[in-house]
Amino acid sequence: MWTPDKIKEIVDSHQIVIFAKGTKMMPMCGFSQHAIALVGRLGKPFEVVNIFDDPNIRPALIEFSKWPTTPQVFVGGELIGGSDIVEEMMNDGELQKKVEAAFA
């Protein structure tokens, strides 16, 4: 059963996790594809949770993060945001700093 506690467990057990529409190898929306590609360029391991795998994932995710849209990228247990925010942080070097800190 998907609950906010299960979402927290997943977020806490991975330095980087993306809740996305689709998988790492087969994203099912452009925003998810973009977020996965950006994070992939960082060269660090990351997990992707497909919100389409179970209809209860998305409501639990929204309740946990208080963020209504996907993808949702978490680094070091912190919600970074969606693909637009990830891209912005990547361009200014902030994402790389957060990722390095998460893997330190």
PDB file of N, CA and C in Angstrom:
ATOM      1  N   MET A   1       0.836  -1.193   0.000  1.00  0.00           N
ATOM      2  CA  MET A   1       0.000   0.000   0.000  1.00  0.00           C
ATOM      3  C   MET A   1       0.877   1.250   0.000  1.00  0.00           C
ATOM      4  N   TRP A   2       0.573   2.150  -0.878  1.00  0.00           N
ATOM      5  CA  TRP A   2       1.331   3.388  -0.991  1.00  0.00           C
ATOM      6  C   TRP A   2       0.774   4.420  -0.016  1.00  0.00           C
ATOM      7  N   THR A   3       1.647   4.896   0.852  1.00  0.00           N
ATOM      8  CA  THR A   3       1.312   5.913   1.840  1.00  0.00           C
ATOM      9  C   THR A   3       2.410   6.970   1.834  1.00  0.00           C
ATOM     10  N   PRO A   4       2.171   8.122   2.442  1.00  0.00           N
ATOM     11  CA  PRO A   4       3.259   9.094   2.572  1.00  0.00           C
ATOM     12  C   PRO A   4       4.483   8.516   3.293  1.00  0.00           C
ATOM     13  N   ASP A   5       4.247   7.618   4.252  1.00  0.00           N
ATOM     14  CA  ASP A   5       5.381   6.996   4.949  1.00  0.00           C
ATOM     15  C   ASP A   5       6.208   6.128   4.006  1.00  0.00           C
ATOM     16  N   LYS A   6       5.551   5.436   3.084  1.00  0.00           N
ATOM     17  CA  LYS A   6       6.294   4.619   2.109  1.00  0.00           C
ATOM     18  C   LYS A   6       7.083   5.526   1.157  1.00  0.00           C
ATOM     19  N   ILE A   7       6.486   6.639   0.751  1.00  0.00           N
ATOM     20  CA  ILE A   7       7.204   7.609  -0.094  1.00  0.00           C
ATOM     21  C   ILE A   7       8.445   8.102   0.651  1.00  0.00           C
ATOM     22  N   LYS A   8       8.284   8.456   1.920  1.00  0.00           N
ATOM     23  CA  LYS A   8       9.408   8.934   2.731  1.00  0.00           C
ATOM     24  C   LYS A   8      10.498   7.883   2.819  1.00  0.00           C
ATOM     25  N   GLU A   9      10.102   6.635   3.000  1.00  0.00           N
ATOM     26  CA  GLU A   9      11.072   5.536   3.070  1.00  0.00           C
ATOM     27  C   GLU A   9      11.895   5.450   1.782  1.00  0.00           C
ATOM     28  N   ILE A  10      11.235   5.578   0.643  1.00  0.00           N
ATOM     29  CA  ILE A  10      11.937   5.538  -0.650  1.00  0.00           C
ATOM     30  C   ILE A  10      12.858   6.738  -0.801  1.00  0.00           C
ATOM     31  N   VAL A  11      12.343   7.925  -0.480  1.00  0.00           N
ATOM     32  CA  VAL A  11      13.146   9.156  -0.589  1.00  0.00           C
ATOM     33  C   VAL A  11      14.376   9.066   0.322  1.00  0.00           C
ATOM     34  N   ASP A  12      14.180   8.559   1.536  1.00  0.00           N
ATOM     35  CA  ASP A  12      15.284   8.471   2.496  1.00  0.00           C
ATOM     36  C   ASP A  12      16.305   7.388   2.137  1.00  0.00           C
ATOM     37  N   SER A  13      15.917   6.414   1.325  1.00  0.00           N
ATOM     38  CA  SER A  13      16.823   5.307   1.022  1.00  0.00           C
ATOM     39  C   SER A  13      17.617   5.497  -0.268  1.00  0.00           C
ATOM     40  N   HIS A  14      17.432   6.615  -0.950  1.00  0.00           N
ATOM     41  CA  HIS A  14      18.174   6.909  -2.189  1.00  0.00           C
ATOM     42  C   HIS A  14      18.666   8.352  -2.143  1.00  0.00           C
ATOM     43  N   GLN A  15      19.908   8.564  -2.564  1.00  0.00           N
ATOM     44  CA  GLN A  15      20.420   9.934  -2.606  1.00  0.00           C
ATOM     45  C   GLN A  15      19.660  10.775  -3.638  1.00  0.00           C
ATOM     46  N   ILE A  16      19.262  10.130  -4.743  1.00  0.00           N
ATOM     47  CA  ILE A  16      18.461  10.810  -5.767  1.00  0.00           C
ATOM     48  C   ILE A  16      17.325   9.879  -6.166  1.00  0.00           C
ATOM     49  N   VAL A  17      16.124  10.400  -6.143  1.00  0.00           N
ATOM     50  CA  VAL A  17      14.971   9.634  -6.628  1.00  0.00           C
ATOM     51  C   VAL A  17      14.052  10.576  -7.390  1.00  0.00           C
ATOM     52  N   ILE A  18      13.539  10.074  -8.490  1.00  0.00           N
ATOM     53  CA  ILE A  18      12.596  10.829  -9.316  1.00  0.00           C
ATOM     54  C   ILE A  18      11.296  10.044  -9.372  1.00  0.00           C
ATOM     55  N   PHE A  19      10.210  10.679  -8.979  1.00  0.00           N
ATOM     56  CA  PHE A  19       8.882  10.117  -9.177  1.00  0.00           C
ATOM     57  C   PHE A  19       8.410  10.673 -10.512  1.00  0.00           C
ATOM     58  N   ALA A  20       8.231   9.789 -11.483  1.00  0.00           N
ATOM     59  CA  ALA A  20       8.014  10.204 -12.860  1.00  0.00           C
ATOM     60  C   ALA A  20       6.894   9.410 -13.510  1.00  0.00           C
ATOM     61  N   LYS A  21       6.454   9.922 -14.627  1.00  0.00           N
ATOM     62  CA  LYS A  21       5.535   9.180 -15.492  1.00  0.00           C
ATOM     63  C   LYS A  21       6.413   8.333 -16.398  1.00  0.00           C
ATOM     64  N   GLY A  22       6.459   7.039 -16.092  1.00  0.00           N
ATOM     65  CA  GLY A  22       7.292   6.126 -16.862  1.00  0.00           C
ATOM     66  C   GLY A  22       8.524   5.710 -16.096  1.00  0.00           C
ATOM     67  N   THR A  23       9.438   5.081 -16.802  1.00  0.00           N
ATOM     68  CA  THR A  23      10.651   4.537 -16.196  1.00  0.00           C
ATOM     69  C   THR A  23      11.878   5.282 -16.698  1.00  0.00           C
ATOM     70  N   LYS A  24      13.018   4.937 -16.138  1.00  0.00           N
ATOM     71  CA  LYS A  24      14.279   5.543 -16.560  1.00  0.00           C
ATOM     72  C   LYS A  24      14.531   5.276 -18.036  1.00  0.00           C
ATOM     73  N   MET A  25      14.226   4.054 -18.476  1.00  0.00           N
ATOM     74  CA  MET A  25      14.473   3.681 -19.868  1.00  0.00           C
ATOM     75  C   MET A  25      13.323   4.053 -20.798  1.00  0.00           C
ATOM     76  N   MET A  26      12.129   4.265 -20.242  1.00  0.00           N
ATOM     77  CA  MET A  26      10.982   4.591 -21.067  1.00  0.00           C
ATOM     78  C   MET A  26      10.079   5.624 -20.382  1.00  0.00           C
ATOM     79  N   PRO A  27      10.538   6.888 -20.332  1.00  0.00           N
ATOM     80  CA  PRO A  27       9.691   7.944 -19.777  1.00  0.00           C
ATOM     81  C   PRO A  27       8.426   8.091 -20.628  1.00  0.00           C
ATOM     82  N   MET A  28       7.323   8.440 -19.974  1.00  0.00           N
ATOM     83  CA  MET A  28       6.043   8.511 -20.679  1.00  0.00           C
ATOM     84  C   MET A  28       5.500   9.932 -20.788  1.00  0.00           C
ATOM     85  N   CYS A  29       6.348  10.922 -20.514  1.00  0.00           N
ATOM     86  CA  CYS A  29       5.975  12.314 -20.780  1.00  0.00           C
ATOM     87  C   CYS A  29       7.258  13.108 -20.965  1.00  0.00           C
ATOM     88  N   GLY A  30       7.148  14.204 -21.671  1.00  0.00           N
ATOM     89  CA  GLY A  30       8.321  15.019 -21.973  1.00  0.00           C
ATOM     90  C   GLY A  30       8.997  15.587 -20.740  1.00  0.00           C
ATOM     91  N   PHE A  31       8.213  16.006 -19.748  1.00  0.00           N
ATOM     92  CA  PHE A  31       8.796  16.578 -18.531  1.00  0.00           C
ATOM     93  C   PHE A  31       9.578  15.523 -17.756  1.00  0.00           C
ATOM     94  N   SER A  32       9.005  14.313 -17.658  1.00  0.00           N
ATOM     95  CA  SER A  32       9.710  13.221 -16.983  1.00  0.00           C
ATOM     96  C   SER A  32      10.980  12.865 -17.753  1.00  0.00           C
ATOM     97  N   GLN A  33      10.884  12.788 -19.061  1.00  0.00           N
ATOM     98  CA  GLN A  33      12.051  12.481 -19.888  1.00  0.00           C
ATOM     99  C   GLN A  33      13.155  13.520 -19.678  1.00  0.00           C
ATOM    100  N   HIS A  34      12.776  14.780 -19.632  1.00  0.00           N
ATOM    101  CA  HIS A  34      13.746  15.860 -19.463  1.00  0.00           C
ATOM    102  C   HIS A  34      14.427  15.766 -18.092  1.00  0.00           C
ATOM    103  N   ALA A  35      13.641  15.551 -17.035  1.00  0.00           N
ATOM    104  CA  ALA A  35      14.209  15.443 -15.683  1.00  0.00           C
ATOM    105  C   ALA A  35      15.159  14.262 -15.590  1.00  0.00           C
ATOM    106  N   ILE A  36      14.766  13.129 -16.140  1.00  0.00           N
ATOM    107  CA  ILE A  36      15.604  11.925 -16.114  1.00  0.00           C
ATOM    108  C   ILE A  36      16.904  12.162 -16.882  1.00  0.00           C
ATOM    109  N   ALA A  37      16.812  12.814 -18.034  1.00  0.00           N
ATOM    110  CA  ALA A  37      18.010  13.100 -18.832  1.00  0.00           C
ATOM    111  C   ALA A  37      18.956  14.050 -18.089  1.00  0.00           C
ATOM    112  N   LEU A  38      18.401  15.088 -17.469  1.00  0.00           N
ATOM    113  CA  LEU A  38      19.236  16.040 -16.726  1.00  0.00           C
ATOM    114  C   LEU A  38      19.954  15.355 -15.571  1.00  0.00           C
ATOM    115  N   VAL A  39      19.215  14.608 -14.776  1.00  0.00           N
ATOM    116  CA  VAL A  39      19.818  13.924 -13.632  1.00  0.00           C
ATOM    117  C   VAL A  39      20.826  12.878 -14.118  1.00  0.00           C
ATOM    118  N   GLY A  40      20.533  12.209 -15.215  1.00  0.00           N
ATOM    119  CA  GLY A  40      21.455  11.231 -15.776  1.00  0.00           C
ATOM    120  C   GLY A  40      22.799  11.819 -16.151  1.00  0.00           C
ATOM    121  N   ARG A  41      22.804  13.082 -16.544  1.00  0.00           N
ATOM    122  CA  ARG A  41      24.061  13.749 -16.918  1.00  0.00           C
ATOM    123  C   ARG A  41      24.983  13.982 -15.728  1.00  0.00           C
ATOM    124  N   LEU A  42      24.453  13.869 -14.516  1.00  0.00           N
ATOM    125  CA  LEU A  42      25.266  14.099 -13.323  1.00  0.00           C
ATOM    126  C   LEU A  42      26.200  12.932 -13.027  1.00  0.00           C
ATOM    127  N   GLY A  43      25.929  11.768 -13.647  1.00  0.00           N
ATOM    128  CA  GLY A  43      26.806  10.617 -13.487  1.00  0.00           C
ATOM    129  C   GLY A  43      26.709   9.913 -12.144  1.00  0.00           C
ATOM    130  N   LYS A  44      25.644  10.144 -11.414  1.00  0.00           N
ATOM    131  CA  LYS A  44      25.437   9.492 -10.117  1.00  0.00           C
ATOM    132  C   LYS A  44      24.257   8.534 -10.232  1.00  0.00           C
ATOM    133  N   PRO A  45      24.258   7.472  -9.415  1.00  0.00           N
ATOM    134  CA  PRO A  45      23.113   6.558  -9.463  1.00  0.00           C
ATOM    135  C   PRO A  45      21.847   7.242  -8.962  1.00  0.00           C
ATOM    136  N   PHE A  46      20.735   6.912  -9.595  1.00  0.00           N
ATOM    137  CA  PHE A  46      19.455   7.459  -9.149  1.00  0.00           C
ATOM    138  C   PHE A  46      18.351   6.467  -9.430  1.00  0.00           C
ATOM    139  N   GLU A  47      17.306   6.572  -8.655  1.00  0.00           N
ATOM    140  CA  GLU A  47      16.145   5.697  -8.751  1.00  0.00           C
ATOM    141  C   GLU A  47      15.015   6.463  -9.425  1.00  0.00           C
ATOM    142  N   VAL A  48      14.228   5.760 -10.231  1.00  0.00           N
ATOM    143  CA  VAL A  48      13.015   6.335 -10.814  1.00  0.00           C
ATOM    144  C   VAL A  48      11.842   5.465 -10.383  1.00  0.00           C
ATOM    145  N   VAL A  49      10.825   6.105  -9.815  1.00  0.00           N
ATOM    146  CA  VAL A  49       9.593   5.421  -9.445  1.00  0.00           C
ATOM    147  C   VAL A  49       8.531   5.831 -10.446  1.00  0.00           C
ATOM    148  N   ASN A  50       7.962   4.862 -11.132  1.00  0.00           N
ATOM    149  CA  ASN A  50       6.927   5.097 -12.136  1.00  0.00           C
ATOM    150  C   ASN A  50       5.583   5.274 -11.420  1.00  0.00           C
ATOM    151  N   ILE A  51       5.029   6.472 -11.475  1.00  0.00           N
ATOM    152  CA  ILE A  51       3.765   6.713 -10.766  1.00  0.00           C
ATOM    153  C   ILE A  51       2.600   5.973 -11.413  1.00  0.00           C
ATOM    154  N   PHE A  52       2.803   5.447 -12.621  1.00  0.00           N
ATOM    155  CA  PHE A  52       1.743   4.684 -13.286  1.00  0.00           C
ATOM    156  C   PHE A  52       1.701   3.219 -12.839  1.00  0.00           C
ATOM    157  N   ASP A  53       2.694   2.788 -12.044  1.00  0.00           N
ATOM    158  CA  ASP A  53       2.724   1.394 -11.592  1.00  0.00           C
ATOM    159  C   ASP A  53       1.572   1.051 -10.652  1.00  0.00           C
ATOM    160  N   ASP A  54       1.059   2.042  -9.936  1.00  0.00           N
ATOM    161  CA  ASP A  54      -0.012   1.816  -8.970  1.00  0.00           C
ATOM    162  C   ASP A  54      -0.789   3.126  -8.834  1.00  0.00           C
ATOM    163  N   PRO A  55      -2.123   3.086  -8.905  1.00  0.00           N
ATOM    164  CA  PRO A  55      -2.898   4.326  -8.828  1.00  0.00           C
ATOM    165  C   PRO A  55      -2.801   5.036  -7.474  1.00  0.00           C
ATOM    166  N   ASN A  56      -2.251   4.361  -6.463  1.00  0.00           N
ATOM    167  CA  ASN A  56      -2.132   4.977  -5.139  1.00  0.00           C
ATOM    168  C   ASN A  56      -0.826   5.745  -4.941  1.00  0.00           C
ATOM    169  N   ILE A  57       0.122   5.611  -5.866  1.00  0.00           N
ATOM    170  CA  ILE A  57       1.407   6.297  -5.700  1.00  0.00           C
ATOM    171  C   ILE A  57       1.222   7.808  -5.750  1.00  0.00           C
ATOM    172  N   ARG A  58       0.545   8.305  -6.764  1.00  0.00           N
ATOM    173  CA  ARG A  58       0.453   9.751  -6.949  1.00  0.00           C
ATOM    174  C   ARG A  58      -0.220  10.459  -5.773  1.00  0.00           C
ATOM    175  N   PRO A  59      -1.376   9.972  -5.262  1.00  0.00           N
ATOM    176  CA  PRO A  59      -1.974  10.649  -4.101  1.00  0.00           C
ATOM    177  C   PRO A  59      -1.060  10.628  -2.866  1.00  0.00           C
ATOM    178  N   ALA A  60      -0.364   9.520  -2.650  1.00  0.00           N
ATOM    179  CA  ALA A  60       0.559   9.438  -1.511  1.00  0.00           C
ATOM    180  C   ALA A  60       1.727  10.407  -1.697  1.00  0.00           C
ATOM    181  N   LEU A  61       2.225  10.503  -2.916  1.00  0.00           N
ATOM    182  CA  LEU A  61       3.324  11.413  -3.234  1.00  0.00           C
ATOM    183  C   LEU A  61       2.918  12.865  -2.991  1.00  0.00           C
ATOM    184  N   ILE A  62       1.741  13.236  -3.482  1.00  0.00           N
ATOM    185  CA  ILE A  62       1.257  14.612  -3.312  1.00  0.00           C
ATOM    186  C   ILE A  62       1.064  14.932  -1.832  1.00  0.00           C
ATOM    187  N   GLU A  63       0.520  13.992  -1.088  1.00  0.00           N
ATOM    188  CA  GLU A  63       0.337  14.204   0.347  1.00  0.00           C
ATOM    189  C   GLU A  63       1.685  14.369   1.043  1.00  0.00           C
ATOM    190  N   PHE A  64       2.681  13.579   0.645  1.00  0.00           N
ATOM    191  CA  PHE A  64       4.014  13.657   1.251  1.00  0.00           C
ATOM    192  C   PHE A  64       4.718  14.968   0.901  1.00  0.00           C
ATOM    193  N   SER A  65       4.729  15.315  -0.380  1.00  0.00           N
ATOM    194  CA  SER A  65       5.539  16.448  -0.842  1.00  0.00           C
ATOM    195  C   SER A  65       4.810  17.783  -0.828  1.00  0.00           C
ATOM    196  N   LYS A  66       3.492  17.737  -0.811  1.00  0.00           N
ATOM    197  CA  LYS A  66       2.675  18.953  -0.934  1.00  0.00           C
ATOM    198  C   LYS A  66       2.931  19.657  -2.273  1.00  0.00           C
ATOM    199  N   TRP A  67       3.297  18.852  -3.289  1.00  0.00           N
ATOM    200  CA  TRP A  67       3.607  19.356  -4.637  1.00  0.00           C
ATOM    201  C   TRP A  67       2.695  18.603  -5.595  1.00  0.00           C
ATOM    202  N   PRO A  68       1.884  19.302  -6.414  1.00  0.00           N
ATOM    203  CA  PRO A  68       0.832  18.624  -7.174  1.00  0.00           C
ATOM    204  C   PRO A  68       1.242  17.968  -8.495  1.00  0.00           C
ATOM    205  N   THR A  69       2.421  18.275  -9.001  1.00  0.00           N
ATOM    206  CA  THR A  69       2.761  17.803 -10.343  1.00  0.00           C
ATOM    207  C   THR A  69       3.931  16.818 -10.311  1.00  0.00           C
ATOM    208  N   THR A  70       4.107  16.111 -11.401  1.00  0.00           N
ATOM    209  CA  THR A  70       5.265  15.240 -11.597  1.00  0.00           C
ATOM    210  C   THR A  70       5.934  15.653 -12.895  1.00  0.00           C
ATOM    211  N   PRO A  71       7.217  15.373 -13.027  1.00  0.00           N
ATOM    212  CA  PRO A  71       8.050  14.618 -12.114  1.00  0.00           C
ATOM    213  C   PRO A  71       8.374  15.400 -10.838  1.00  0.00           C
ATOM    214  N   GLN A  72       8.760  14.645  -9.819  1.00  0.00           N
ATOM    215  CA  GLN A  72       9.267  15.223  -8.581  1.00  0.00           C
ATOM    216  C   GLN A  72      10.643  14.630  -8.340  1.00  0.00           C
ATOM    217  N   VAL A  73      11.631  15.509  -8.268  1.00  0.00           N
ATOM    218  CA  VAL A  73      13.015  15.094  -8.075  1.00  0.00           C
ATOM    219  C   VAL A  73      13.425  15.395  -6.638  1.00  0.00           C
ATOM    220  N   PHE A  74      13.910  14.363  -5.959  1.00  0.00           N
ATOM    221  CA  PHE A  74      14.402  14.504  -4.593  1.00  0.00           C
ATOM    222  C   PHE A  74      15.893  14.236  -4.589  1.00  0.00           C
ATOM    223  N   VAL A  75      16.648  15.100  -3.910  1.00  0.00           N
ATOM    224  CA  VAL A  75      18.092  14.926  -3.762  1.00  0.00           C
ATOM    225  C   VAL A  75      18.408  15.050  -2.272  1.00  0.00           C
ATOM    226  N   GLY A  76      19.062  14.032  -1.734  1.00  0.00           N
ATOM    227  CA  GLY A  76      19.408  14.054  -0.324  1.00  0.00           C
ATOM    228  C   GLY A  76      18.196  14.199   0.583  1.00  0.00           C
ATOM    229  N   GLY A  77      17.078  13.621   0.167  1.00  0.00           N
ATOM    230  CA  GLY A  77      15.860  13.677   0.960  1.00  0.00           C
ATOM    231  C   GLY A  77      15.038  14.937   0.795  1.00  0.00           C
ATOM    232  N   GLU A  78      15.515  15.875  -0.017  1.00  0.00           N
ATOM    233  CA  GLU A  78      14.847  17.161  -0.202  1.00  0.00           C
ATOM    234  C   GLU A  78      14.187  17.226  -1.577  1.00  0.00           C
ATOM    235  N   LEU A  79      12.944  17.703  -1.602  1.00  0.00           N
ATOM    236  CA  LEU A  79      12.277  17.921  -2.884  1.00  0.00           C
ATOM    237  C   LEU A  79      12.934  19.093  -3.591  1.00  0.00           C
ATOM    238  N   ILE A  80      13.454  18.830  -4.770  1.00  0.00           N
ATOM    239  CA  ILE A  80      14.049  19.881  -5.590  1.00  0.00           C
ATOM    240  C   ILE A  80      12.961  20.539  -6.436  1.00  0.00           C
ATOM    241  N   GLY A  81      12.105  19.722  -7.038  1.00  0.00           N
ATOM    242  CA  GLY A  81      11.026  20.228  -7.880  1.00  0.00           C
ATOM    243  C   GLY A  81      10.906  19.398  -9.139  1.00  0.00           C
ATOM    244  N   GLY A  82      10.347  20.005 -10.163  1.00  0.00           N
ATOM    245  CA  GLY A  82      10.151  19.340 -11.435  1.00  0.00           C
ATOM    246  C   GLY A  82      11.269  19.641 -12.413  1.00  0.00           C
ATOM    247  N   SER A  83      11.039  19.287 -13.670  1.00  0.00           N
ATOM    248  CA  SER A  83      12.102  19.391 -14.672  1.00  0.00           C
ATOM    249  C   SER A  83      12.564  20.828 -14.899  1.00  0.00           C
ATOM    250  N   ASP A  84      11.654  21.791 -14.820  1.00  0.00           N
ATOM    251  CA  ASP A  84      12.053  23.191 -15.042  1.00  0.00           C
ATOM    252  C   ASP A  84      12.984  23.684 -13.938  1.00  0.00           C
ATOM    253  N   ILE A  85      12.679  23.351 -12.694  1.00  0.00           N
ATOM    254  CA  ILE A  85      13.522  23.760 -11.573  1.00  0.00           C
ATOM    255  C   ILE A  85      14.854  23.016 -11.612  1.00  0.00           C
ATOM    256  N   VAL A  86      14.814  21.733 -11.946  1.00  0.00           N
ATOM    257  CA  VAL A  86      16.045  20.946 -12.060  1.00  0.00           C
ATOM    258  C   VAL A  86      16.942  21.549 -13.133  1.00  0.00           C
ATOM    259  N   GLU A  87      16.363  21.919 -14.261  1.00  0.00           N
ATOM    260  CA  GLU A  87      17.159  22.525 -15.331  1.00  0.00           C
ATOM    261  C   GLU A  87      17.771  23.854 -14.890  1.00  0.00           C
ATOM    262  N   GLU A  88      16.978  24.677 -14.232  1.00  0.00           N
ATOM    263  CA  GLU A  88      17.463  25.965 -13.738  1.00  0.00           C
ATOM    264  C   GLU A  88      18.620  25.768 -12.752  1.00  0.00           C
ATOM    265  N   MET A  89      18.451  24.821 -11.815  1.00  0.00           N
ATOM    266  CA  MET A  89      19.499  24.563 -10.832  1.00  0.00           C
ATOM    267  C   MET A  89      20.744  23.956 -11.477  1.00  0.00           C
ATOM    268  N   MET A  90      20.549  23.160 -12.510  1.00  0.00           N
ATOM    269  CA  MET A  90      21.680  22.571 -13.232  1.00  0.00           C
ATOM    270  C   MET A  90      22.465  23.683 -13.932  1.00  0.00           C
ATOM    271  N   ASN A  91      21.757  24.604 -14.566  1.00  0.00           N
ATOM    272  CA  ASN A  91      22.404  25.683 -15.306  1.00  0.00           C
ATOM    273  C   ASN A  91      23.211  26.618 -14.411  1.00  0.00           C
ATOM    274  N   ASP A  92      22.748  26.804 -13.162  1.00  0.00           N
ATOM    275  CA  ASP A  92      23.500  27.707 -12.278  1.00  0.00           C
ATOM    276  C   ASP A  92      24.457  26.968 -11.341  1.00  0.00           C
ATOM    277  N   GLY A  93      24.564  25.634 -11.496  1.00  0.00           N
ATOM    278  CA  GLY A  93      25.521  24.851 -10.718  1.00  0.00           C
ATOM    279  C   GLY A  93      25.019  24.420  -9.349  1.00  0.00           C
ATOM    280  N   GLU A  94      23.833  24.851  -8.962  1.00  0.00           N
ATOM    281  CA  GLU A  94      23.298  24.526  -7.639  1.00  0.00           C
ATOM    282  C   GLU A  94      22.950  23.045  -7.505  1.00  0.00           C
ATOM    283  N   LEU A  95      22.436  22.443  -8.570  1.00  0.00           N
ATOM    284  CA  LEU A  95      22.068  21.031  -8.515  1.00  0.00           C
ATOM    285  C   LEU A  95      23.301  20.157  -8.276  1.00  0.00           C
ATOM    286  N   GLN A  96      24.372  20.455  -8.985  1.00  0.00           N
ATOM    287  CA  GLN A  96      25.588  19.677  -8.823  1.00  0.00           C
ATOM    288  C   GLN A  96      26.080  19.749  -7.373  1.00  0.00           C
ATOM    289  N   LYS A  97      25.981  20.925  -6.747  1.00  0.00           N
ATOM    290  CA  LYS A  97      26.407  21.087  -5.349  1.00  0.00           C
ATOM    291  C   LYS A  97      25.540  20.233  -4.420  1.00  0.00           C
ATOM    292  N   LYS A  98      24.223  20.240  -4.648  1.00  0.00           N
ATOM    293  CA  LYS A  98      23.325  19.449  -3.813  1.00  0.00           C
ATOM    294  C   LYS A  98      23.594  17.951  -3.983  1.00  0.00           C
ATOM    295  N   VAL A  99      23.852  17.545  -5.214  1.00  0.00           N
ATOM    296  CA  VAL A  99      24.129  16.125  -5.477  1.00  0.00           C
ATOM    297  C   VAL A  99      25.457  15.722  -4.813  1.00  0.00           C
ATOM    298  N   GLU A 100      26.478  16.530  -4.959  1.00  0.00           N
ATOM    299  CA  GLU A 100      27.758  16.209  -4.330  1.00  0.00           C
ATOM    300  C   GLU A 100      27.594  16.108  -2.817  1.00  0.00           C
ATOM    301  N   ALA A 101      26.837  17.002  -2.218  1.00  0.00           N
ATOM    302  CA  ALA A 101      26.596  16.968  -0.770  1.00  0.00           C
ATOM    303  C   ALA A 101      25.834  15.694  -0.383  1.00  0.00           C
ATOM    304  N   ALA A 102      24.872  15.290  -1.201  1.00  0.00           N
ATOM    305  CA  ALA A 102      24.081  14.095  -0.907  1.00  0.00           C
ATOM    306  C   ALA A 102      24.934  12.825  -0.959  1.00  0.00           C
ATOM    307  N   PHE A 103      25.960  12.822  -1.790  1.00  0.00           N
ATOM    308  CA  PHE A 103      26.822  11.643  -1.931  1.00  0.00           C
ATOM    309  C   PHE A 103      28.084  11.723  -1.077  1.00  0.00           C
ATOM    310  N   ALA A 104      28.233  12.814  -0.329  1.00  0.00           N
ATOM    311  CA  ALA A 104      29.452  12.993   0.510  1.00  0.00           C
ATOM    312  C   ALA A 104      29.444  12.045   1.708  1.00  0.00           C
TER     313      ALA A 104
END
